[in-house]
Amino acid sequence: MKYRNAAEMLPPQLLAEVQKYAQGEYCYIPKAKRAAWGAGTGAQSFYARRDADIRKQFSSGAGLETIGGEYFLSPDAVKKIVYKKGAKTMSDINYDNYFWQNDVVRVRRSKPEDWQHHMPNYDSDERFFTDYAQEMPQDETNRKEEWENYVNAHRNSDDRLLFAFETHDGKYVGGGNLHGINRRNGTFGMFVGADEERYAIAGAQLMLHYAFNELRLNNCHTGFIENDTVFQPVFVKLGFKLEGTRRQQVFHKGQFWNENLYGLLAEEFNGNN
């Protein structure tokens, strides 16, 4: 640090004012505005880009340990970056040119905390038509734990992708999944469910566009229990065609039910959209 004689650099009036407070002493005068840490070395911009990449990977489903291994950080350090106050979240993204959005909904990966949206209809006839099974009764603790385990188990899965549907203002309105993905044969299955049919169709169209045109799969197949008036109409409106019936395939409430099999090809989907 270079020292200068105040008598040589300050006007006499200002020097006289300063001498009221200090005489014959060294005095440090700070800069009017101090540069932010790392601004001069590029470190600030480097860590900003790194933290943004980390939050992007986390929002896409990557685990804390996986991210930490890539950036040589502990899981706790990654967690601090992801949940840092003021960090950019999914709601801050500019969705103007966002792939996972249309005029009705936007789609994101499912999260463990989404369990609460699945609780009301868990033990119901609607649930039977979804999974072909009569499930055991569940309380909130069981349901929460089961959903969290389900999401975490498929976070980095190659054969099942879990999605949630939101309105443009962030309200959860449904979800779905791509399952049984077989890249060798180009086949997969799909499930969608939502508060309203329009949300289910809009979300499904984004999922199918991704499956057919990004993953380059070719054939989506699914099945419905006879007399299903909730899920089957949605898939028919998406362009799925009846391909056959498996007679008396499922037993429920004292009787056997037929299963109707539906399918949709990539060329059919792209020809209709």
C-alpha atoms as a PDB file:
ATOM      1  CA  MET A   1       0.000   0.000   0.000  1.00  0.00           C
ATOM      2  CA  LYS A   2       1.378   3.434  -0.944  1.00  0.00           C
ATOM      3  CA  TYR A   3       1.318   6.221   1.665  1.00  0.00           C
ATOM      4  CA  ARG A   4       0.845   9.844   0.610  1.00  0.00           C
ATOM      5  CA  ASN A   5       1.171  13.093   2.566  1.00  0.00           C
ATOM      6  CA  ALA A   6      -2.305  14.498   3.081  1.00  0.00           C
ATOM      7  CA  ALA A   7      -0.901  18.046   2.905  1.00  0.00           C
ATOM      8  CA  GLU A   8       0.099  17.370  -0.689  1.00  0.00           C
ATOM      9  CA  MET A   9      -3.228  15.915  -1.855  1.00  0.00           C
ATOM     10  CA  LEU A  10      -6.006  17.611   0.147  1.00  0.00           C
ATOM     11  CA  PRO A  11      -7.202  21.216  -0.124  1.00  0.00           C
ATOM     12  CA  PRO A  12      -6.206  23.308   2.974  1.00  0.00           C
ATOM     13  CA  GLN A  13      -9.813  23.601   4.150  1.00  0.00           C
ATOM     14  CA  LEU A  14     -10.376  19.810   3.958  1.00  0.00           C
ATOM     15  CA  LEU A  15      -6.985  19.100   5.600  1.00  0.00           C
ATOM     16  CA  ALA A  16      -7.895  21.395   8.502  1.00  0.00           C
ATOM     17  CA  GLU A  17     -11.196  19.502   8.899  1.00  0.00           C
ATOM     18  CA  VAL A  18      -9.453  16.092   8.940  1.00  0.00           C
ATOM     19  CA  GLN A  19      -6.892  17.346  11.503  1.00  0.00           C
ATOM     20  CA  LYS A  20      -9.743  17.847  13.955  1.00  0.00           C
ATOM     21  CA  TYR A  21     -10.018  14.030  14.110  1.00  0.00           C
ATOM     22  CA  ALA A  22      -6.430  12.824  13.585  1.00  0.00           C
ATOM     23  CA  GLN A  23      -2.930  14.356  13.428  1.00  0.00           C
ATOM     24  CA  GLY A  24       0.430  12.674  12.815  1.00  0.00           C
ATOM     25  CA  GLU A  25      -1.299   9.277  12.165  1.00  0.00           C
ATOM     26  CA  TYR A  26      -1.674   6.969   9.197  1.00  0.00           C
ATOM     27  CA  CYS A  27      -5.182   6.983   7.770  1.00  0.00           C
ATOM     28  CA  TYR A  28      -6.589   4.493   5.221  1.00  0.00           C
ATOM     29  CA  ILE A  29      -9.213   5.886   2.851  1.00  0.00           C
ATOM     30  CA  PRO A  30     -11.298   3.057   1.244  1.00  0.00           C
ATOM     31  CA  LYS A  31     -12.563   3.096  -2.328  1.00  0.00           C
ATOM     32  CA  ALA A  32     -15.976   4.635  -2.829  1.00  0.00           C
ATOM     33  CA  LYS A  33     -17.353   1.293  -4.196  1.00  0.00           C
ATOM     34  CA  ARG A  34     -15.587  -1.983  -3.540  1.00  0.00           C
ATOM     35  CA  ALA A  35     -15.559  -4.552  -6.350  1.00  0.00           C
ATOM     36  CA  ALA A  36     -17.456  -7.753  -5.654  1.00  0.00           C
ATOM     37  CA  TRP A  37     -15.441 -10.837  -4.743  1.00  0.00           C
ATOM     38  CA  GLY A  38     -14.091 -12.603  -7.804  1.00  0.00           C
ATOM     39  CA  ALA A  39     -15.142  -9.864 -10.217  1.00  0.00           C
ATOM     40  CA  GLY A  40     -11.597  -9.164 -11.308  1.00  0.00           C
ATOM     41  CA  THR A  41     -10.486 -12.796 -11.685  1.00  0.00           C
ATOM     42  CA  GLY A  42     -13.541 -14.320 -13.364  1.00  0.00           C
ATOM     43  CA  ALA A  43     -14.236 -16.548 -10.347  1.00  0.00           C
ATOM     44  CA  GLN A  44     -17.613 -14.921  -9.742  1.00  0.00           C
ATOM     45  CA  SER A  45     -18.927 -15.745 -13.219  1.00  0.00           C
ATOM     46  CA  PHE A  46     -17.379 -19.239 -13.099  1.00  0.00           C
ATOM     47  CA  TYR A  47     -19.171 -20.213  -9.873  1.00  0.00           C
ATOM     48  CA  ALA A  48     -22.412 -18.601 -11.047  1.00  0.00           C
ATOM     49  CA  ARG A  49     -22.372 -20.805 -14.163  1.00  0.00           C
ATOM     50  CA  ARG A  50     -21.424 -23.864 -12.119  1.00  0.00           C
ATOM     51  CA  ASP A  51     -24.231 -23.329  -9.600  1.00  0.00           C
ATOM     52  CA  ALA A  52     -26.754 -22.764 -12.405  1.00  0.00           C
ATOM     53  CA  ASP A  53     -25.673 -26.046 -14.035  1.00  0.00           C
ATOM     54  CA  ILE A  54     -26.004 -27.859 -10.702  1.00  0.00           C
ATOM     55  CA  ARG A  55     -29.536 -26.541 -10.133  1.00  0.00           C
ATOM     56  CA  LYS A  56     -30.492 -27.483 -13.693  1.00  0.00           C
ATOM     57  CA  GLN A  57     -29.245 -31.064 -13.234  1.00  0.00           C
ATOM     58  CA  PHE A  58     -31.041 -31.346  -9.893  1.00  0.00           C
ATOM     59  CA  SER A  59     -34.339 -30.081 -11.342  1.00  0.00           C
ATOM     60  CA  SER A  60     -33.971 -32.683 -14.113  1.00  0.00           C
ATOM     61  CA  GLY A  61     -33.785 -35.485 -11.566  1.00  0.00           C
ATOM     62  CA  ALA A  62     -30.077 -36.017 -10.879  1.00  0.00           C
ATOM     63  CA  GLY A  63     -29.279 -37.036  -7.292  1.00  0.00           C
ATOM     64  CA  LEU A  64     -27.136 -35.057  -4.835  1.00  0.00           C
ATOM     65  CA  GLU A  65     -24.389 -37.682  -4.759  1.00  0.00           C
ATOM     66  CA  THR A  66     -24.279 -37.953  -8.560  1.00  0.00           C
ATOM     67  CA  ILE A  67     -23.944 -34.183  -8.942  1.00  0.00           C
ATOM     68  CA  GLY A  68     -21.414 -33.983  -6.114  1.00  0.00           C
ATOM     69  CA  GLY A  69     -19.235 -36.602  -7.758  1.00  0.00           C
ATOM     70  CA  GLU A  70     -19.162 -34.630 -11.005  1.00  0.00           C
ATOM     71  CA  TYR A  71     -18.212 -31.336  -9.348  1.00  0.00           C
ATOM     72  CA  PHE A  72     -16.120 -32.789  -6.473  1.00  0.00           C
ATOM     73  CA  LEU A  73     -18.559 -31.517  -3.870  1.00  0.00           C
ATOM     74  CA  SER A  74     -20.182 -33.216  -0.881  1.00  0.00           C
ATOM     75  CA  PRO A  75     -23.953 -33.888  -1.037  1.00  0.00           C
ATOM     76  CA  ASP A  76     -24.432 -31.225   1.674  1.00  0.00           C
ATOM     77  CA  ALA A  77     -22.537 -28.666  -0.424  1.00  0.00           C
ATOM     78  CA  VAL A  78     -24.715 -29.476  -3.434  1.00  0.00           C
ATOM     79  CA  LYS A  79     -27.842 -29.145  -1.288  1.00  0.00           C
ATOM     80  CA  LYS A  80     -26.779 -25.651  -0.164  1.00  0.00           C
ATOM     81  CA  ILE A  81     -26.356 -24.593  -3.791  1.00  0.00           C
ATOM     82  CA  VAL A  82     -29.687 -26.095  -4.894  1.00  0.00           C
ATOM     83  CA  TYR A  83     -31.687 -24.540  -2.068  1.00  0.00           C
ATOM     84  CA  LYS A  84     -29.740 -21.269  -1.819  1.00  0.00           C
ATOM     85  CA  LYS A  85     -32.015 -18.327  -1.041  1.00  0.00           C
ATOM     86  CA  GLY A  86     -32.667 -16.312  -4.162  1.00  0.00           C
ATOM     87  CA  ALA A  87     -31.555 -19.108  -6.499  1.00  0.00           C
ATOM     88  CA  LYS A  88     -33.402 -19.333  -9.807  1.00  0.00           C
ATOM     89  CA  THR A  89     -36.195 -21.912  -9.660  1.00  0.00           C
ATOM     90  CA  MET A  90     -38.356 -23.596 -12.287  1.00  0.00           C
ATOM     91  CA  SER A  91     -40.935 -20.808 -11.873  1.00  0.00           C
ATOM     92  CA  ASP A  92     -38.290 -18.245 -12.910  1.00  0.00           C
ATOM     93  CA  ILE A  93     -37.565 -19.871 -16.268  1.00  0.00           C
ATOM     94  CA  ASN A  94     -38.631 -18.048 -19.414  1.00  0.00           C
ATOM     95  CA  TYR A  95     -41.066 -20.507 -20.964  1.00  0.00           C
ATOM     96  CA  ASP A  96     -41.588 -18.617 -24.235  1.00  0.00           C
ATOM     97  CA  ASN A  97     -39.592 -21.206 -26.204  1.00  0.00           C
ATOM     98  CA  TYR A  98     -39.861 -24.053 -23.724  1.00  0.00           C
ATOM     99  CA  PHE A  99     -40.122 -27.565 -25.204  1.00  0.00           C
ATOM    100  CA  TRP A 100     -42.202 -28.912 -22.309  1.00  0.00           C
ATOM    101  CA  GLN A 101     -45.071 -26.448 -22.659  1.00  0.00           C
ATOM    102  CA  ASN A 102     -48.131 -25.869 -24.825  1.00  0.00           C
ATOM    103  CA  ASP A 103     -51.126 -23.556 -24.582  1.00  0.00           C
ATOM    104  CA  VAL A 104     -52.693 -25.519 -21.705  1.00  0.00           C
ATOM    105  CA  VAL A 105     -49.980 -27.006 -19.439  1.00  0.00           C
ATOM    106  CA  ARG A 106     -46.282 -27.361 -18.893  1.00  0.00           C
ATOM    107  CA  VAL A 107     -44.653 -30.625 -17.903  1.00  0.00           C
ATOM    108  CA  ARG A 108     -41.886 -31.301 -15.368  1.00  0.00           C
ATOM    109  CA  ARG A 109     -40.347 -34.337 -13.708  1.00  0.00           C
ATOM    110  CA  SER A 110     -42.264 -35.701 -10.715  1.00  0.00           C
ATOM    111  CA  LYS A 111     -40.957 -34.854  -7.248  1.00  0.00           C
ATOM    112  CA  PRO A 112     -41.259 -36.720  -3.914  1.00  0.00           C
ATOM    113  CA  GLU A 113     -43.412 -33.919  -2.483  1.00  0.00           C
ATOM    114  CA  ASP A 114     -46.059 -34.549  -5.159  1.00  0.00           C
ATOM    115  CA  TRP A 115     -47.371 -37.406  -3.002  1.00  0.00           C
ATOM    116  CA  GLN A 116     -50.113 -35.224  -1.525  1.00  0.00           C
ATOM    117  CA  HIS A 117     -51.758 -34.824  -4.935  1.00  0.00           C
ATOM    118  CA  HIS A 118     -52.140 -38.598  -5.276  1.00  0.00           C
ATOM    119  CA  MET A 119     -53.691 -39.305  -1.879  1.00  0.00           C
ATOM    120  CA  PRO A 120     -57.426 -38.542  -2.452  1.00  0.00           C
ATOM    121  CA  ASN A 121     -58.079 -41.165  -5.169  1.00  0.00           C
ATOM    122  CA  TYR A 122     -55.604 -43.768  -4.017  1.00  0.00           C
ATOM    123  CA  ASP A 123     -58.029 -46.399  -2.722  1.00  0.00           C
ATOM    124  CA  SER A 124     -60.882 -46.039  -5.229  1.00  0.00           C
ATOM    125  CA  ASP A 125     -62.527 -47.567  -8.297  1.00  0.00           C
ATOM    126  CA  GLU A 126     -60.619 -45.032 -10.396  1.00  0.00           C
ATOM    127  CA  ARG A 127     -57.388 -46.439  -8.996  1.00  0.00           C
ATOM    128  CA  PHE A 128     -58.505 -49.963  -9.898  1.00  0.00           C
ATOM    129  CA  PHE A 129     -59.030 -48.953 -13.508  1.00  0.00           C
ATOM    130  CA  THR A 130     -55.484 -47.539 -13.459  1.00  0.00           C
ATOM    131  CA  ASP A 131     -53.540 -50.449 -11.988  1.00  0.00           C
ATOM    132  CA  TYR A 132     -55.920 -53.435 -12.303  1.00  0.00           C
ATOM    133  CA  ALA A 133     -55.649 -54.192  -8.591  1.00  0.00           C
ATOM    134  CA  GLN A 134     -57.454 -53.755  -5.296  1.00  0.00           C
ATOM    135  CA  GLU A 135     -54.920 -52.067  -3.051  1.00  0.00           C
ATOM    136  CA  MET A 136     -54.570 -52.209   0.698  1.00  0.00           C
ATOM    137  CA  PRO A 137     -55.860 -49.195   2.682  1.00  0.00           C
ATOM    138  CA  GLN A 138     -53.290 -46.430   3.167  1.00  0.00           C
ATOM    139  CA  ASP A 139     -52.863 -43.560   5.592  1.00  0.00           C
ATOM    140  CA  GLU A 140     -50.934 -40.401   4.758  1.00  0.00           C
ATOM    141  CA  THR A 141     -47.683 -41.693   6.236  1.00  0.00           C
ATOM    142  CA  ASN A 142     -47.803 -44.905   4.173  1.00  0.00           C
ATOM    143  CA  ARG A 143     -48.786 -43.089   1.006  1.00  0.00           C
ATOM    144  CA  LYS A 144     -46.110 -40.423   1.407  1.00  0.00           C
ATOM    145  CA  GLU A 145     -43.377 -43.000   1.997  1.00  0.00           C
ATOM    146  CA  GLU A 146     -44.540 -45.194  -0.886  1.00  0.00           C
ATOM    147  CA  TRP A 147     -44.681 -42.295  -3.371  1.00  0.00           C
ATOM    148  CA  GLU A 148     -41.273 -40.936  -2.320  1.00  0.00           C
ATOM    149  CA  ASN A 149     -39.723 -44.388  -2.734  1.00  0.00           C
ATOM    150  CA  TYR A 150     -41.408 -44.734  -6.133  1.00  0.00           C
ATOM    151  CA  VAL A 151     -40.089 -41.406  -7.420  1.00  0.00           C
ATOM    152  CA  ASN A 152     -36.583 -41.917  -6.043  1.00  0.00           C
ATOM    153  CA  ALA A 153     -36.377 -45.445  -7.456  1.00  0.00           C
ATOM    154  CA  HIS A 154     -37.101 -44.144 -10.969  1.00  0.00           C
ATOM    155  CA  ARG A 155     -35.190 -40.853 -10.745  1.00  0.00           C
ATOM    156  CA  ASN A 156     -32.499 -42.103 -13.126  1.00  0.00           C
ATOM    157  CA  SER A 157     -34.452 -44.975 -14.651  1.00  0.00           C
ATOM    158  CA  ASP A 158     -34.045 -45.954 -18.291  1.00  0.00           C
ATOM    159  CA  ASP A 159     -37.403 -47.685 -18.616  1.00  0.00           C
ATOM    160  CA  ARG A 160     -39.814 -45.447 -16.647  1.00  0.00           C
ATOM    161  CA  LEU A 161     -40.058 -41.634 -16.679  1.00  0.00           C
ATOM    162  CA  LEU A 162     -42.406 -39.871 -14.250  1.00  0.00           C
ATOM    163  CA  PHE A 163     -43.965 -36.488 -15.061  1.00  0.00           C
ATOM    164  CA  ALA A 164     -46.206 -33.878 -13.448  1.00  0.00           C
ATOM    165  CA  PHE A 165     -48.533 -31.447 -15.245  1.00  0.00           C
ATOM    166  CA  GLU A 166     -48.878 -27.827 -14.134  1.00  0.00           C
ATOM    167  CA  THR A 167     -50.838 -24.838 -15.340  1.00  0.00           C
ATOM    168  CA  HIS A 168     -48.746 -21.878 -16.502  1.00  0.00           C
ATOM    169  CA  ASP A 169     -49.055 -20.312 -13.052  1.00  0.00           C
ATOM    170  CA  GLY A 170     -47.624 -23.428 -11.370  1.00  0.00           C
ATOM    171  CA  LYS A 171     -50.785 -25.215 -10.156  1.00  0.00           C
ATOM    172  CA  TYR A 172     -50.480 -29.033 -10.107  1.00  0.00           C
ATOM    173  CA  VAL A 173     -53.232 -30.521 -12.276  1.00  0.00           C
ATOM    174  CA  GLY A 174     -52.118 -34.078 -13.058  1.00  0.00           C
ATOM    175  CA  GLY A 175     -49.338 -36.286 -14.267  1.00  0.00           C
ATOM    176  CA  GLY A 176     -48.299 -39.376 -16.132  1.00  0.00           C
ATOM    177  CA  ASN A 177     -45.453 -41.674 -17.001  1.00  0.00           C
ATOM    178  CA  LEU A 178     -43.730 -43.392 -19.869  1.00  0.00           C
ATOM    179  CA  HIS A 179     -43.027 -46.985 -18.870  1.00  0.00           C
ATOM    180  CA  GLY A 180     -41.742 -50.243 -20.270  1.00  0.00           C
ATOM    181  CA  ILE A 181     -39.443 -48.320 -22.605  1.00  0.00           C
ATOM    182  CA  ASN A 182     -37.767 -50.772 -24.982  1.00  0.00           C
ATOM    183  CA  ARG A 183     -35.346 -48.856 -27.183  1.00  0.00           C
ATOM    184  CA  ARG A 184     -34.360 -51.921 -29.200  1.00  0.00           C
ATOM    185  CA  ASN A 185     -37.904 -52.491 -30.426  1.00  0.00           C
ATOM    186  CA  GLY A 186     -39.016 -48.862 -30.125  1.00  0.00           C
ATOM    187  CA  THR A 187     -41.981 -49.673 -27.893  1.00  0.00           C
ATOM    188  CA  PHE A 188     -43.303 -48.121 -24.697  1.00  0.00           C
ATOM    189  CA  GLY A 189     -46.435 -47.698 -22.616  1.00  0.00           C
ATOM    190  CA  MET A 190     -47.992 -44.556 -21.198  1.00  0.00           C
ATOM    191  CA  PHE A 191     -50.315 -43.508 -18.401  1.00  0.00           C
ATOM    192  CA  VAL A 192     -51.869 -40.063 -17.845  1.00  0.00           C
ATOM    193  CA  GLY A 193     -54.349 -38.724 -15.337  1.00  0.00           C
ATOM    194  CA  ALA A 194     -55.454 -35.186 -14.503  1.00  0.00           C
ATOM    195  CA  ASP A 195     -58.046 -33.056 -12.762  1.00  0.00           C
ATOM    196  CA  GLU A 196     -59.650 -32.312 -16.133  1.00  0.00           C
ATOM    197  CA  GLU A 197     -59.578 -34.130 -19.460  1.00  0.00           C
ATOM    198  CA  ARG A 198     -58.044 -31.143 -21.254  1.00  0.00           C
ATOM    199  CA  TYR A 199     -55.048 -31.232 -18.912  1.00  0.00           C
ATOM    200  CA  ALA A 200     -54.601 -34.966 -19.460  1.00  0.00           C
ATOM    201  CA  ILE A 201     -54.693 -34.599 -23.261  1.00  0.00           C
ATOM    202  CA  ALA A 202     -52.363 -31.573 -23.311  1.00  0.00           C
ATOM    203  CA  GLY A 203     -49.834 -33.230 -21.007  1.00  0.00           C
ATOM    204  CA  ALA A 204     -50.001 -36.525 -22.906  1.00  0.00           C
ATOM    205  CA  GLN A 205     -49.327 -34.765 -26.216  1.00  0.00           C
ATOM    206  CA  LEU A 206     -46.085 -33.323 -24.836  1.00  0.00           C
ATOM    207  CA  MET A 207     -45.043 -36.715 -23.462  1.00  0.00           C
ATOM    208  CA  LEU A 208     -45.804 -38.444 -26.769  1.00  0.00           C
ATOM    209  CA  HIS A 209     -43.946 -35.785 -28.729  1.00  0.00           C
ATOM    210  CA  TYR A 210     -40.912 -36.423 -26.540  1.00  0.00           C
ATOM    211  CA  ALA A 211     -41.194 -40.215 -26.836  1.00  0.00           C
ATOM    212  CA  PHE A 212     -41.761 -40.340 -30.604  1.00  0.00           C
ATOM    213  CA  ASN A 213     -39.600 -37.429 -31.773  1.00  0.00           C
ATOM    214  CA  GLU A 214     -36.823 -37.148 -29.167  1.00  0.00           C
ATOM    215  CA  LEU A 215     -36.396 -40.732 -27.945  1.00  0.00           C
ATOM    216  CA  ARG A 216     -37.310 -41.901 -31.473  1.00  0.00           C
ATOM    217  CA  LEU A 217     -39.598 -44.671 -30.232  1.00  0.00           C
ATOM    218  CA  ASN A 218     -42.234 -45.970 -32.628  1.00  0.00           C
ATOM    219  CA  ASN A 219     -45.100 -47.736 -30.880  1.00  0.00           C
ATOM    220  CA  CYS A 220     -47.029 -46.769 -27.744  1.00  0.00           C
ATOM    221  CA  HIS A 221     -49.274 -49.443 -26.288  1.00  0.00           C
ATOM    222  CA  THR A 222     -51.685 -49.442 -23.361  1.00  0.00           C
ATOM    223  CA  GLY A 223     -54.745 -51.258 -22.055  1.00  0.00           C
ATOM    224  CA  PHE A 224     -58.029 -50.453 -20.324  1.00  0.00           C
ATOM    225  CA  ILE A 225     -60.515 -52.435 -18.312  1.00  0.00           C
ATOM    226  CA  GLU A 226     -63.880 -52.704 -20.077  1.00  0.00           C
ATOM    227  CA  ASN A 227     -66.397 -50.013 -19.099  1.00  0.00           C
ATOM    228  CA  ASP A 228     -63.593 -47.571 -18.219  1.00  0.00           C
ATOM    229  CA  THR A 229     -65.097 -44.120 -18.821  1.00  0.00           C
ATOM    230  CA  VAL A 230     -62.209 -42.100 -17.317  1.00  0.00           C
ATOM    231  CA  PHE A 231     -58.978 -43.061 -19.054  1.00  0.00           C
ATOM    232  CA  GLN A 232     -59.991 -44.803 -22.266  1.00  0.00           C
ATOM    233  CA  PRO A 233     -61.766 -41.748 -23.802  1.00  0.00           C
ATOM    234  CA  VAL A 234     -58.617 -39.635 -23.307  1.00  0.00           C
ATOM    235  CA  PHE A 235     -56.450 -42.068 -25.259  1.00  0.00           C
ATOM    236  CA  VAL A 236     -59.041 -42.379 -28.037  1.00  0.00           C
ATOM    237  CA  LYS A 237     -58.968 -38.591 -28.446  1.00  0.00           C
ATOM    238  CA  LEU A 238     -55.166 -38.770 -28.613  1.00  0.00           C
ATOM    239  CA  GLY A 239     -55.512 -41.057 -31.636  1.00  0.00           C
ATOM    240  CA  PHE A 240     -55.020 -44.489 -30.050  1.00  0.00           C
ATOM    241  CA  LYS A 241     -56.707 -47.353 -31.928  1.00  0.00           C
ATOM    242  CA  LEU A 242     -58.290 -50.498 -30.547  1.00  0.00           C
ATOM    243  CA  GLU A 243     -56.034 -53.428 -31.448  1.00  0.00           C
ATOM    244  CA  GLY A 244     -57.684 -56.291 -29.598  1.00  0.00           C
ATOM    245  CA  THR A 245     -59.328 -57.605 -26.438  1.00  0.00           C
ATOM    246  CA  ARG A 246     -58.015 -60.017 -23.839  1.00  0.00           C
ATOM    247  CA  ARG A 247     -61.080 -61.746 -22.473  1.00  0.00           C
ATOM    248  CA  GLN A 248     -61.642 -62.111 -18.710  1.00  0.00           C
ATOM    249  CA  GLN A 249     -58.123 -60.862 -18.023  1.00  0.00           C
ATOM    250  CA  VAL A 250     -58.616 -59.186 -14.629  1.00  0.00           C
ATOM    251  CA  PHE A 251     -60.534 -60.339 -11.518  1.00  0.00           C
ATOM    252  CA  HIS A 252     -62.113 -57.634  -9.350  1.00  0.00           C
ATOM    253  CA  LYS A 253     -65.123 -57.464  -6.990  1.00  0.00           C
ATOM    254  CA  GLY A 254     -66.217 -61.010  -7.661  1.00  0.00           C
ATOM    255  CA  GLN A 255     -66.064 -60.998 -11.455  1.00  0.00           C
ATOM    256  CA  PHE A 256     -63.679 -61.226 -14.396  1.00  0.00           C
ATOM    257  CA  TRP A 257     -63.152 -58.178 -16.605  1.00  0.00           C
ATOM    258  CA  ASN A 258     -62.013 -57.926 -20.215  1.00  0.00           C
ATOM    259  CA  GLU A 259     -59.017 -55.783 -21.092  1.00  0.00           C
ATOM    260  CA  ASN A 260     -59.113 -53.669 -24.258  1.00  0.00           C
ATOM    261  CA  LEU A 261     -55.707 -53.135 -25.886  1.00  0.00           C
ATOM    262  CA  TYR A 262     -54.917 -49.852 -27.679  1.00  0.00           C
ATOM    263  CA  GLY A 263     -51.900 -48.640 -29.628  1.00  0.00           C
ATOM    264  CA  LEU A 264     -50.517 -45.565 -31.386  1.00  0.00           C
ATOM    265  CA  LEU A 265     -47.683 -45.383 -33.937  1.00  0.00           C
ATOM    266  CA  ALA A 266     -45.274 -42.469 -34.343  1.00  0.00           C
ATOM    267  CA  GLU A 267     -46.467 -41.868 -37.924  1.00  0.00           C
ATOM    268  CA  GLU A 268     -50.066 -41.688 -36.710  1.00  0.00           C
ATOM    269  CA  PHE A 269     -49.228 -39.255 -33.923  1.00  0.00           C
ATOM    270  CA  ASN A 270     -47.166 -36.987 -36.170  1.00  0.00           C
ATOM    271  CA  GLY A 271     -49.785 -37.142 -38.885  1.00  0.00           C
ATOM    272  CA  ASN A 272     -52.456 -35.872 -36.509  1.00  0.00           C
ATOM    273  CA  ASN A 273     -50.374 -33.140 -34.794  1.00  0.00           C
END
